[in-house]
C-alpha atoms as a PDB file:
ATOM      1  CA  MET A   1     143.156 118.015 211.242  1.00  0.00           C
ATOM      2  CA  THR A   2     145.529 116.319 208.919  1.00  0.00           C
ATOM      3  CA  GLN A   3     148.946 117.370 208.828  1.00  0.00           C
ATOM      4  CA  ARG A   4     151.757 116.924 205.891  1.00  0.00           C
ATOM      5  CA  PHE A   5     155.260 117.565 206.473  1.00  0.00           C
ATOM      6  CA  ASP A   6     158.321 117.214 204.648  1.00  0.00           C
ATOM      7  CA  VAL A   7     161.192 117.566 207.035  1.00  0.00           C
ATOM      8  CA  TYR A   8     160.086 117.198 210.759  1.00  0.00           C
ATOM      9  CA  LEU A   9     162.739 117.721 213.330  1.00  0.00           C
ATOM     10  CA  VAL A  10     162.877 115.954 217.097  1.00  0.00           C
ATOM     11  CA  THR A  11     165.244 117.956 219.328  1.00  0.00           C
ATOM     12  CA  ASP A  12     167.569 116.093 221.511  1.00  0.00           C
ATOM     13  CA  THR A  13     169.835 118.134 223.662  1.00  0.00           C
ATOM     14  CA  ALA A  14     172.313 115.202 223.913  1.00  0.00           C
ATOM     15  CA  LEU A  15     173.031 114.820 220.643  1.00  0.00           C
ATOM     16  CA  SER A  16     173.448 118.651 219.716  1.00  0.00           C
ATOM     17  CA  GLY A  17     177.032 118.817 220.832  1.00  0.00           C
ATOM     18  CA  ASP A  18     178.051 122.039 222.404  1.00  0.00           C
ATOM     19  CA  ARG A  19     175.443 123.861 220.596  1.00  0.00           C
ATOM     20  CA  SER A  20     171.895 124.752 222.614  1.00  0.00           C
ATOM     21  CA  THR A  21     168.637 123.106 221.658  1.00  0.00           C
ATOM     22  CA  ALA A  22     167.177 126.497 220.499  1.00  0.00           C
ATOM     23  CA  GLU A  23     170.722 127.063 218.189  1.00  0.00           C
ATOM     24  CA  ILE A  24     169.592 123.971 216.643  1.00  0.00           C
ATOM     25  CA  VAL A  25     166.020 125.246 215.916  1.00  0.00           C
ATOM     26  CA  GLU A  26     166.788 127.891 214.682  1.00  0.00           C
ATOM     27  CA  ALA A  27     169.172 126.679 211.982  1.00  0.00           C
ATOM     28  CA  ALA A  28     166.755 123.980 211.219  1.00  0.00           C
ATOM     29  CA  ILE A  29     164.039 126.777 210.811  1.00  0.00           C
ATOM     30  CA  ARG A  30     166.352 128.710 208.388  1.00  0.00           C
ATOM     31  CA  GLY A  31     166.706 125.586 206.804  1.00  0.00           C
ATOM     32  CA  GLY A  32     163.257 125.425 205.889  1.00  0.00           C
ATOM     33  CA  VAL A  33     161.952 123.052 208.173  1.00  0.00           C
ATOM     34  CA  ASP A  34     158.388 122.152 208.399  1.00  0.00           C
ATOM     35  CA  ALA A  35     157.562 121.339 212.015  1.00  0.00           C
ATOM     36  CA  VAL A  36     159.712 120.708 215.520  1.00  0.00           C
ATOM     37  CA  GLN A  37     158.795 118.048 217.871  1.00  0.00           C
ATOM     38  CA  LEU A  38     160.079 118.971 221.662  1.00  0.00           C
ATOM     39  CA  ARG A  39     161.522 115.307 222.839  1.00  0.00           C
ATOM     40  CA  GLU A  40     164.741 116.318 225.299  1.00  0.00           C
ATOM     41  CA  LYS A  41     163.818 112.696 227.128  1.00  0.00           C
ATOM     42  CA  GLY A  42     167.231 113.390 229.329  1.00  0.00           C
ATOM     43  CA  THR A  43     165.932 116.748 230.794  1.00  0.00           C
ATOM     44  CA  SER A  44     163.591 117.770 233.830  1.00  0.00           C
ATOM     45  CA  ALA A  45     160.326 118.235 233.380  1.00  0.00           C
ATOM     46  CA  ARG A  46     160.931 122.046 234.708  1.00  0.00           C
ATOM     47  CA  ASP A  47     163.835 122.218 231.970  1.00  0.00           C
ATOM     48  CA  ARG A  48     161.995 120.921 229.294  1.00  0.00           C
ATOM     49  CA  TYR A  49     159.364 123.555 229.823  1.00  0.00           C
ATOM     50  CA  GLU A  50     161.739 126.514 230.219  1.00  0.00           C
ATOM     51  CA  LEU A  51     162.914 125.282 227.243  1.00  0.00           C
ATOM     52  CA  GLY A  52     159.846 124.643 225.395  1.00  0.00           C
ATOM     53  CA  ARG A  53     158.921 128.268 226.025  1.00  0.00           C
ATOM     54  CA  THR A  54     162.070 129.467 224.127  1.00  0.00           C
ATOM     55  CA  VAL A  55     161.222 127.283 221.141  1.00  0.00           C
ATOM     56  CA  ARG A  56     157.650 127.915 220.954  1.00  0.00           C
ATOM     57  CA  GLU A  57     158.805 131.497 220.977  1.00  0.00           C
ATOM     58  CA  LEU A  58     160.976 130.193 217.847  1.00  0.00           C
ATOM     59  CA  THR A  59     158.466 128.398 215.816  1.00  0.00           C
ATOM     60  CA  ARG A  60     155.798 130.862 216.253  1.00  0.00           C
ATOM     61  CA  LYS A  61     157.739 133.739 215.005  1.00  0.00           C
ATOM     62  CA  ALA A  62     158.028 130.858 211.832  1.00  0.00           C
ATOM     63  CA  ASP A  63     154.812 130.109 211.837  1.00  0.00           C
ATOM     64  CA  ILE A  64     155.494 126.446 212.120  1.00  0.00           C
ATOM     65  CA  PRO A  65     154.062 123.811 214.466  1.00  0.00           C
ATOM     66  CA  LEU A  66     155.550 122.890 217.737  1.00  0.00           C
ATOM     67  CA  ILE A  67     154.551 119.482 218.948  1.00  0.00           C
ATOM     68  CA  VAL A  68     155.476 117.914 222.230  1.00  0.00           C
ATOM     69  CA  ASN A  69     156.450 114.280 222.443  1.00  0.00           C
ATOM     70  CA  ASP A  70     154.750 112.260 224.856  1.00  0.00           C
ATOM     71  CA  ARG A  71     153.595 115.046 227.661  1.00  0.00           C
ATOM     72  CA  ILE A  72     149.945 116.125 226.680  1.00  0.00           C
ATOM     73  CA  ASP A  73     150.564 118.529 230.401  1.00  0.00           C
ATOM     74  CA  LEU A  74     153.381 120.192 228.892  1.00  0.00           C
ATOM     75  CA  ALA A  75     152.323 120.587 225.475  1.00  0.00           C
ATOM     76  CA  ALA A  76     149.048 122.213 227.167  1.00  0.00           C
ATOM     77  CA  ALA A  77     151.745 124.496 229.524  1.00  0.00           C
ATOM     78  CA  ILE A  78     153.347 125.935 226.394  1.00  0.00           C
ATOM     79  CA  ASP A  79     150.781 126.070 224.205  1.00  0.00           C
ATOM     80  CA  ALA A  80     151.869 123.968 221.549  1.00  0.00           C
ATOM     81  CA  ASP A  81     150.045 122.889 218.576  1.00  0.00           C
ATOM     82  CA  GLY A  82     150.055 119.594 219.222  1.00  0.00           C
ATOM     83  CA  VAL A  83     151.375 116.396 220.893  1.00  0.00           C
ATOM     84  CA  HIS A  84     153.024 112.921 219.951  1.00  0.00           C
ATOM     85  CA  LEU A  85     152.038 109.865 221.477  1.00  0.00           C
ATOM     86  CA  GLY A  86     153.418 106.488 221.404  1.00  0.00           C
ATOM     87  CA  ASP A  87     152.689 103.111 222.709  1.00  0.00           C
ATOM     88  CA  ASP A  88     152.817 103.907 226.563  1.00  0.00           C
ATOM     89  CA  ASP A  89     151.012 107.078 226.214  1.00  0.00           C
ATOM     90  CA  LEU A  90     147.677 108.630 227.131  1.00  0.00           C
ATOM     91  CA  PRO A  91     145.327 107.585 224.313  1.00  0.00           C
ATOM     92  CA  ILE A  92     144.600 110.009 221.105  1.00  0.00           C
ATOM     93  CA  ALA A  93     141.179 110.810 222.411  1.00  0.00           C
ATOM     94  CA  VAL A  94     142.528 111.973 225.828  1.00  0.00           C
ATOM     95  CA  ALA A  95     144.947 114.478 224.055  1.00  0.00           C
ATOM     96  CA  ARG A  96     142.042 115.396 221.916  1.00  0.00           C
ATOM     97  CA  ASP A  97     139.644 116.407 225.051  1.00  0.00           C
ATOM     98  CA  ARG A  98     142.410 118.251 227.096  1.00  0.00           C
ATOM     99  CA  LEU A  99     144.455 119.842 223.883  1.00  0.00           C
ATOM    100  CA  GLY A 100     141.012 120.563 221.728  1.00  0.00           C
ATOM    101  CA  GLU A 101     139.808 119.310 218.644  1.00  0.00           C
ATOM    102  CA  ASP A 102     142.296 121.729 216.836  1.00  0.00           C
ATOM    103  CA  ALA A 103     145.251 120.263 218.328  1.00  0.00           C
ATOM    104  CA  LEU A 104     147.936 118.458 216.180  1.00  0.00           C
ATOM    105  CA  VAL A 105     148.030 114.923 217.757  1.00  0.00           C
ATOM    106  CA  GLY A 106     150.165 112.085 215.774  1.00  0.00           C
ATOM    107  CA  ARG A 107     150.880 108.867 216.488  1.00  0.00           C
ATOM    108  CA  SER A 108     154.217 106.631 216.836  1.00  0.00           C
ATOM    109  CA  VAL A 109     153.577 103.172 214.860  1.00  0.00           C
ATOM    110  CA  SER A 110     155.296 100.576 213.104  1.00  0.00           C
ATOM    111  CA  THR A 111     152.934  98.342 211.744  1.00  0.00           C
ATOM    112  CA  PRO A 112     149.610  98.591 209.181  1.00  0.00           C
ATOM    113  CA  GLU A 113     147.475  97.354 212.099  1.00  0.00           C
ATOM    114  CA  THR A 114     148.638  99.765 214.009  1.00  0.00           C
ATOM    115  CA  ALA A 115     148.525 102.507 211.573  1.00  0.00           C
ATOM    116  CA  ARG A 116     144.820 101.658 210.784  1.00  0.00           C
ATOM    117  CA  ARG A 117     143.966 101.526 214.569  1.00  0.00           C
ATOM    118  CA  ALA A 118     145.406 105.281 214.641  1.00  0.00           C
ATOM    119  CA  GLU A 119     143.584 106.369 212.047  1.00  0.00           C
ATOM    120  CA  ARG A 120     140.343 104.997 214.189  1.00  0.00           C
ATOM    121  CA  GLU A 121     141.462 106.680 216.690  1.00  0.00           C
ATOM    122  CA  GLY A 122     141.690 110.140 214.962  1.00  0.00           C
ATOM    123  CA  ALA A 123     145.469 110.795 214.920  1.00  0.00           C
ATOM    124  CA  ASP A 124     146.097 113.751 212.778  1.00  0.00           C
ATOM    125  CA  TYR A 125     149.217 112.337 211.508  1.00  0.00           C
ATOM    126  CA  LEU A 126     151.751 109.575 211.742  1.00  0.00           C
ATOM    127  CA  GLY A 127     155.432 108.944 212.618  1.00  0.00           C
ATOM    128  CA  VAL A 128     156.432 105.194 211.097  1.00  0.00           C
ATOM    129  CA  GLY A 129     159.481 103.431 211.949  1.00  0.00           C
ATOM    130  CA  ALA A 130     161.995 102.814 212.851  1.00  0.00           C
ATOM    131  CA  VAL A 131     162.697 102.390 208.974  1.00  0.00           C
ATOM    132  CA  TYR A 132     166.698 102.202 208.948  1.00  0.00           C
ATOM    133  CA  GLY A 133     166.914 101.466 212.729  1.00  0.00           C
ATOM    134  CA  THR A 134     168.203 103.884 214.966  1.00  0.00           C
ATOM    135  CA  THR A 135     171.038 105.079 217.803  1.00  0.00           C
ATOM    136  CA  SER A 136     168.823 108.278 218.959  1.00  0.00           C
ATOM    137  CA  LYS A 137     166.404 106.257 220.824  1.00  0.00           C
ATOM    138  CA  GLU A 138     165.512 103.021 222.179  1.00  0.00           C
ATOM    139  CA  THR A 139     162.906 100.797 220.280  1.00  0.00           C
ATOM    140  CA  ASP A 140     161.409  97.421 220.466  1.00  0.00           C
ATOM    141  CA  PRO A 141     163.763  94.868 218.479  1.00  0.00           C
ATOM    142  CA  GLU A 142     160.173  94.506 216.234  1.00  0.00           C
ATOM    143  CA  GLN A 143     159.901  98.065 215.716  1.00  0.00           C
ATOM    144  CA  SER A 144     163.497  98.574 214.439  1.00  0.00           C
ATOM    145  CA  ASP A 145     164.809  98.909 210.900  1.00  0.00           C
ATOM    146  CA  ILE A 146     161.435  98.142 209.548  1.00  0.00           C
ATOM    147  CA  GLY A 147     162.674  98.366 205.971  1.00  0.00           C
ATOM    148  CA  LEU A 148     161.007 100.248 202.880  1.00  0.00           C
ATOM    149  CA  ASP A 149     158.427  97.185 201.949  1.00  0.00           C
ATOM    150  CA  ARG A 150     156.931  98.185 205.746  1.00  0.00           C
ATOM    151  CA  ILE A 151     156.445 101.804 204.597  1.00  0.00           C
ATOM    152  CA  ARG A 152     155.228 100.823 201.380  1.00  0.00           C
ATOM    153  CA  ALA A 153     152.361  98.646 203.524  1.00  0.00           C
ATOM    154  CA  VAL A 154     151.533 101.221 205.655  1.00  0.00           C
ATOM    155  CA  ARG A 155     150.674 103.560 202.846  1.00  0.00           C
ATOM    156  CA  GLU A 156     148.684 101.337 201.618  1.00  0.00           C
ATOM    157  CA  ALA A 157     146.843 101.243 204.949  1.00  0.00           C
ATOM    158  CA  THR A 158     145.786 103.993 205.777  1.00  0.00           C
ATOM    159  CA  ASP A 159     145.226 108.021 203.858  1.00  0.00           C
ATOM    160  CA  LEU A 160     146.845 109.390 206.890  1.00  0.00           C
ATOM    161  CA  PRO A 161     150.258 111.635 205.941  1.00  0.00           C
ATOM    162  CA  PHE A 162     152.981 109.783 207.713  1.00  0.00           C
ATOM    163  CA  VAL A 163     156.350 110.843 207.963  1.00  0.00           C
ATOM    164  CA  GLY A 164     159.189 107.946 207.996  1.00  0.00           C
ATOM    165  CA  ILE A 165     161.467 108.272 211.032  1.00  0.00           C
ATOM    166  CA  GLY A 166     164.888 105.843 212.329  1.00  0.00           C
ATOM    167  CA  GLY A 167     168.030 106.390 211.039  1.00  0.00           C
ATOM    168  CA  VAL A 168     166.656 108.640 207.889  1.00  0.00           C
ATOM    169  CA  THR A 169     169.794 111.366 206.316  1.00  0.00           C
ATOM    170  CA  PRO A 170     169.782 113.517 203.545  1.00  0.00           C
ATOM    171  CA  GLU A 171     171.464 110.546 201.819  1.00  0.00           C
ATOM    172  CA  ASN A 172     168.591 107.919 202.126  1.00  0.00           C
ATOM    173  CA  ALA A 173     165.319 109.920 202.838  1.00  0.00           C
ATOM    174  CA  ARG A 174     164.669 109.898 198.962  1.00  0.00           C
ATOM    175  CA  PRO A 175     163.690 106.222 199.138  1.00  0.00           C
ATOM    176  CA  VAL A 176     161.268 106.721 202.275  1.00  0.00           C
ATOM    177  CA  VAL A 177     159.227 109.034 200.289  1.00  0.00           C
ATOM    178  CA  GLU A 178     159.271 106.976 197.137  1.00  0.00           C
ATOM    179  CA  ALA A 179     157.942 103.828 199.228  1.00  0.00           C
ATOM    180  CA  GLY A 180     155.249 106.261 200.605  1.00  0.00           C
ATOM    181  CA  ALA A 181     155.936 108.676 203.286  1.00  0.00           C
ATOM    182  CA  ASP A 182     155.040 111.621 202.908  1.00  0.00           C
ATOM    183  CA  GLY A 183     158.189 113.146 204.604  1.00  0.00           C
ATOM    184  CA  VAL A 184     161.168 112.403 207.222  1.00  0.00           C
ATOM    185  CA  ALA A 185     161.623 113.017 210.569  1.00  0.00           C
ATOM    186  CA  VAL A 186     164.986 112.939 212.158  1.00  0.00           C
ATOM    187  CA  ILE A 187     167.067 113.618 214.830  1.00  0.00           C
ATOM    188  CA  SER A 188     170.215 113.344 214.420  1.00  0.00           C
ATOM    189  CA  ALA A 189     170.387 113.832 210.561  1.00  0.00           C
ATOM    190  CA  ILE A 190     170.246 117.599 211.780  1.00  0.00           C
ATOM    191  CA  THR A 191     171.061 117.805 215.251  1.00  0.00           C
ATOM    192  CA  GLY A 192     174.377 116.086 215.190  1.00  0.00           C
ATOM    193  CA  ALA A 193     174.874 117.904 211.877  1.00  0.00           C
ATOM    194  CA  ASP A 194     178.232 119.996 211.282  1.00  0.00           C
ATOM    195  CA  ASP A 195     175.770 122.801 209.785  1.00  0.00           C
ATOM    196  CA  PRO A 196     171.973 121.725 210.829  1.00  0.00           C
ATOM    197  CA  GLU A 197     171.087 124.378 208.549  1.00  0.00           C
ATOM    198  CA  ALA A 198     172.634 122.679 205.713  1.00  0.00           C
ATOM    199  CA  ALA A 199     171.212 119.346 206.584  1.00  0.00           C
ATOM    200  CA  THR A 200     167.609 120.561 206.615  1.00  0.00           C
ATOM    201  CA  ARG A 201     168.124 121.719 203.184  1.00  0.00           C
ATOM    202  CA  ARG A 202     169.051 118.509 201.573  1.00  0.00           C
ATOM    203  CA  LEU A 203     166.323 116.744 203.625  1.00  0.00           C
ATOM    204  CA  GLY A 204     163.480 119.339 202.047  1.00  0.00           C
ATOM    205  CA  ALA A 205     165.486 119.061 198.493  1.00  0.00           C
ATOM    206  CA  ALA A 206     165.091 115.189 198.834  1.00  0.00           C
ATOM    207  CA  VAL A 207     161.734 114.903 199.833  1.00  0.00           C
ATOM    208  CA  ARG A 208     160.532 117.697 197.590  1.00  0.00           C
ATOM    209  CA  GLY A 209     161.970 116.319 194.684  1.00  0.00           C
ATOM    210  CA  VAL A 210     160.383 113.096 194.998  1.00  0.00           C
ATOM    211  CA  ASN A 211     156.768 114.910 195.738  1.00  0.00           C
ATOM    212  CA  ALA A 212     157.306 117.185 193.133  1.00  0.00           C
ATOM    213  CA  ASP A 213     157.372 113.845 190.678  1.00  0.00           C
ATOM    214  CA  VAL A 214     154.305 112.391 191.467  1.00  0.00           C
END
């Protein structure tokens, strides 16, 4: 089941200031976010589970997908819609086996070759980056600041929908979509914004402005 997103929020309590992740998610939902990924790398499995249950209710009411970063077991435990996997995580086939054929399974890639491999292995969508570089997560130097030319190359390599991630803001989102991404995924551009709802709306306007012209 392929899935296209305009604006995809990746949560991170550490970047949310004095606001809770649930508050950030609620604001992003009001702003029109299309999907939420529960990341929360710095929290315990138990805390992530409890937070995940809360976010699951918010996303269910809003009828948008909740996707869990890395943890197939946590995705199953909170009845999430899917999981997003990286290079060091379990294979896509394992996620499909544990979560079912209807689950959304995303894959992080940074090259045309890894995009083609993810498509062959059955990914539903891709996260491609880091486009502009990022301070929100540690990335391999070869996977950081890959630029718009790489976005174009990935677009030529795969028919899968994908979001560009890494340093994306409302101000620079449009070129990412013009280069071939279907949408953008962000962490700090929403979680660290003074007004997360407004930031989400601005990101959506930038993406949909390009898609409307296509």
